[in-house]
């Protein structure tokens, strides 16, 4: 039977459907899908609390987490049955340190480390998951122009926030 014939296509569809059902039955999840505690349908992200001296960082971090959950189809707006969980976070550390010195013809590098505490709550207010002192680091090149260096540092903080969001979602996937 040829794969280009109508019967061939139908056989392929049936085979794919059977594989999909078997994979779903054994707990396999396709990449990008994450499990949530208690079969919750989504997560609402509350504005993070910023306990650092970095102005506006709470908006950057909150946006990164909301984007990652949205990308994985797990925001509160993703319909379906089940409760909506609440993610609360506290940003309690931003560390910037030099990791290489500037030499003639090349700038040095700095590393930004962002640290947050995360807690996930059910609709009844009970904590269902937490990740204390979760951190991620990114590097940027030092620039002689102070304004350009500040822009790079802020962009690097944003990258670190996105990395933290990915880590959190991956941990959720591993735990549930």
Protein backbone atom coordinates (compact mmCIF):
# COMPACT_ATOMS: atom_id res chain seq x y z
CA UNK A 1 0.00 0.00 0.00
CA UNK A 2 1.44 3.38 -1.02
CA UNK A 3 1.65 6.27 1.49
CA UNK A 4 0.26 8.55 -1.23
CA UNK A 5 -2.94 6.54 -1.69
CA UNK A 6 -6.03 7.49 0.36
CA UNK A 7 -5.86 4.19 2.28
CA UNK A 8 -2.15 4.78 2.97
CA UNK A 9 -2.83 8.20 4.50
CA UNK A 10 -5.67 6.81 6.56
CA UNK A 11 -3.42 4.04 7.90
CA UNK A 12 -0.78 6.62 8.85
CA UNK A 13 -3.37 8.76 10.66
CA UNK A 14 -4.66 5.75 12.60
CA UNK A 15 -1.12 4.74 13.54
CA UNK A 16 -0.32 8.29 14.75
CA UNK A 17 -3.55 8.41 16.74
CA UNK A 18 -2.74 5.08 18.42
CA UNK A 19 0.77 6.28 19.29
CA UNK A 20 -0.61 9.53 20.69
CA UNK A 21 -3.17 7.69 22.86
CA UNK A 22 -0.49 5.29 24.14
CA UNK A 23 1.87 8.17 24.91
CA UNK A 24 -0.87 10.07 26.75
CA UNK A 25 -1.80 6.99 28.75
CA UNK A 26 1.73 6.43 30.06
CA UNK A 27 2.10 9.97 31.40
CA UNK A 28 4.30 11.24 28.59
CA UNK A 29 3.97 14.96 27.96
CA UNK A 30 4.91 16.68 24.77
CA UNK A 31 7.63 19.36 25.02
CA UNK A 32 6.27 22.71 26.12
CA UNK A 33 3.45 21.23 28.18
CA UNK A 34 3.78 21.53 31.93
CA UNK A 35 1.89 19.86 34.70
CA UNK A 36 0.46 21.94 37.51
CA UNK A 37 -0.39 20.87 41.06
CA UNK A 38 -3.86 19.42 41.54
CA UNK A 39 -4.59 19.53 37.82
CA UNK A 40 -4.81 23.34 37.90
CA UNK A 41 -5.54 24.89 34.53
CA UNK A 42 -3.36 27.96 34.79
CA UNK A 43 -1.25 30.38 36.79
CA UNK A 44 -1.85 34.05 37.46
CA UNK A 45 1.33 36.03 38.12
CA UNK A 46 1.18 38.69 40.81
CA UNK A 47 3.53 41.69 40.56
CA UNK A 48 6.78 40.60 42.17
CA UNK A 49 7.99 42.37 45.30
CA UNK A 50 11.29 44.14 44.67
CA UNK A 51 13.56 44.21 47.73
CA UNK A 52 16.56 45.47 45.77
CA UNK A 53 17.75 48.98 44.96
CA UNK A 54 17.13 48.31 41.25
CA UNK A 55 14.20 50.53 40.15
CA UNK A 56 11.55 48.89 37.96
CA UNK A 57 13.00 45.41 38.27
CA UNK A 58 9.70 44.02 39.56
CA UNK A 59 8.00 44.82 36.23
CA UNK A 60 10.80 43.19 34.20
CA UNK A 61 10.77 40.00 36.27
CA UNK A 62 6.97 39.75 36.45
CA UNK A 63 6.73 40.17 32.68
CA UNK A 64 9.34 37.46 32.08
CA UNK A 65 7.44 34.95 34.23
CA UNK A 66 4.06 35.83 32.69
CA UNK A 67 5.54 35.48 29.18
CA UNK A 68 7.09 32.07 29.90
CA UNK A 69 3.85 30.71 31.38
CA UNK A 70 1.91 32.11 28.43
CA UNK A 71 4.37 30.55 26.00
CA UNK A 72 3.74 27.20 27.66
CA UNK A 73 -0.05 27.68 27.64
CA UNK A 74 -0.37 27.94 31.41
CA UNK A 75 -1.69 31.42 32.08
CA UNK A 76 -4.95 31.99 33.94
CA UNK A 77 -6.57 32.91 30.62
CA UNK A 78 -5.98 29.42 29.20
CA UNK A 79 -9.54 28.04 29.47
CA UNK A 80 -10.54 24.63 30.72
CA UNK A 81 -11.53 23.03 33.99
CA UNK A 82 -9.51 23.32 37.16
CA UNK A 83 -8.39 26.01 39.52
CA UNK A 84 -6.09 28.93 38.80
CA UNK A 85 -2.95 29.12 40.91
CA UNK A 86 -1.29 32.35 42.06
CA UNK A 87 2.46 32.87 41.66
CA UNK A 88 4.05 35.29 44.11
CA UNK A 89 7.69 36.24 43.94
CA UNK A 90 10.16 38.29 45.89
CA UNK A 91 13.28 39.65 44.21
CA UNK A 92 15.85 39.78 46.95
CA UNK A 93 19.15 39.91 45.17
CA UNK A 94 20.91 41.54 42.27
CA UNK A 95 24.65 41.05 42.23
CA UNK A 96 26.92 42.57 39.60
CA UNK A 97 30.55 41.50 39.58
CA UNK A 98 33.48 41.77 37.22
CA UNK A 99 34.51 38.47 35.70
CA UNK A 100 37.23 39.72 33.35
CA UNK A 101 39.23 42.92 33.25
CA UNK A 102 39.27 45.31 30.31
CA UNK A 103 42.35 45.05 28.13
CA UNK A 104 43.55 47.26 25.35
CA UNK A 105 41.23 46.76 22.39
CA UNK A 106 38.60 44.81 24.32
CA UNK A 107 36.21 45.52 27.13
CA UNK A 108 35.92 43.45 30.23
CA UNK A 109 32.88 41.47 31.24
CA UNK A 110 30.52 41.66 34.16
CA UNK A 111 28.15 39.04 35.45
CA UNK A 112 24.67 39.84 36.74
CA UNK A 113 23.07 37.36 39.13
CA UNK A 114 19.38 37.70 39.92
CA UNK A 115 17.88 35.84 42.91
CA UNK A 116 14.19 35.37 43.68
CA UNK A 117 11.95 33.43 46.04
CA UNK A 118 8.89 31.88 44.39
CA UNK A 119 5.69 30.57 45.94
CA UNK A 120 2.67 29.09 44.21
CA UNK A 121 -0.71 29.22 45.99
CA UNK A 122 -3.99 27.40 45.36
CA UNK A 123 -7.32 29.20 45.25
CA UNK A 124 -7.86 28.49 48.96
CA UNK A 125 -4.61 30.31 49.80
CA UNK A 126 -2.59 27.21 50.68
CA UNK A 127 0.98 27.06 49.38
CA UNK A 128 1.30 24.21 46.87
CA UNK A 129 4.86 24.75 45.60
CA UNK A 130 7.90 26.89 46.38
CA UNK A 131 11.41 27.56 45.12
CA UNK A 132 13.44 29.63 47.58
CA UNK A 133 16.60 31.44 46.48
CA UNK A 134 16.27 30.56 42.80
CA UNK A 135 18.98 32.36 40.83
CA UNK A 136 20.27 32.82 37.30
CA UNK A 137 23.28 34.65 35.90
CA UNK A 138 24.09 36.30 32.59
CA UNK A 139 27.11 38.27 31.40
CA UNK A 140 27.60 41.47 29.44
CA UNK A 141 30.52 43.40 27.98
CA UNK A 142 31.65 46.55 29.76
CA UNK A 143 31.44 49.72 27.69
CA UNK A 144 33.37 52.95 28.21
CA UNK A 145 30.15 54.88 27.59
CA UNK A 146 28.28 54.88 30.87
CA UNK A 147 24.85 55.08 29.19
CA UNK A 148 25.58 52.12 26.90
CA UNK A 149 26.88 50.07 29.81
CA UNK A 150 23.72 50.80 31.81
CA UNK A 151 21.58 49.70 28.85
CA UNK A 152 23.56 46.46 28.57
CA UNK A 153 23.26 45.83 32.30
CA UNK A 154 19.45 46.32 32.16
CA UNK A 155 19.16 44.08 29.10
CA UNK A 156 21.22 41.45 30.90
CA UNK A 157 18.92 41.67 33.93
CA UNK A 158 16.02 41.00 31.57
CA UNK A 159 17.82 37.94 30.15
CA UNK A 160 18.47 36.65 33.68
CA UNK A 161 14.77 37.11 34.49
CA UNK A 162 13.78 35.09 31.41
CA UNK A 163 16.25 32.37 32.38
CA UNK A 164 14.72 32.27 35.90
CA UNK A 165 11.26 31.91 34.39
CA UNK A 166 12.42 29.00 32.24
CA UNK A 167 14.03 27.34 35.28
CA UNK A 168 10.81 27.76 37.28
CA UNK A 169 8.60 26.29 34.55
CA UNK A 170 11.01 23.38 34.06
CA UNK A 171 10.99 22.68 37.82
CA UNK A 172 7.20 22.74 37.79
CA UNK A 173 7.30 20.20 34.97
CA UNK A 174 9.69 17.98 36.91
CA UNK A 175 7.67 18.15 40.13
CA UNK A 176 4.27 17.48 38.60
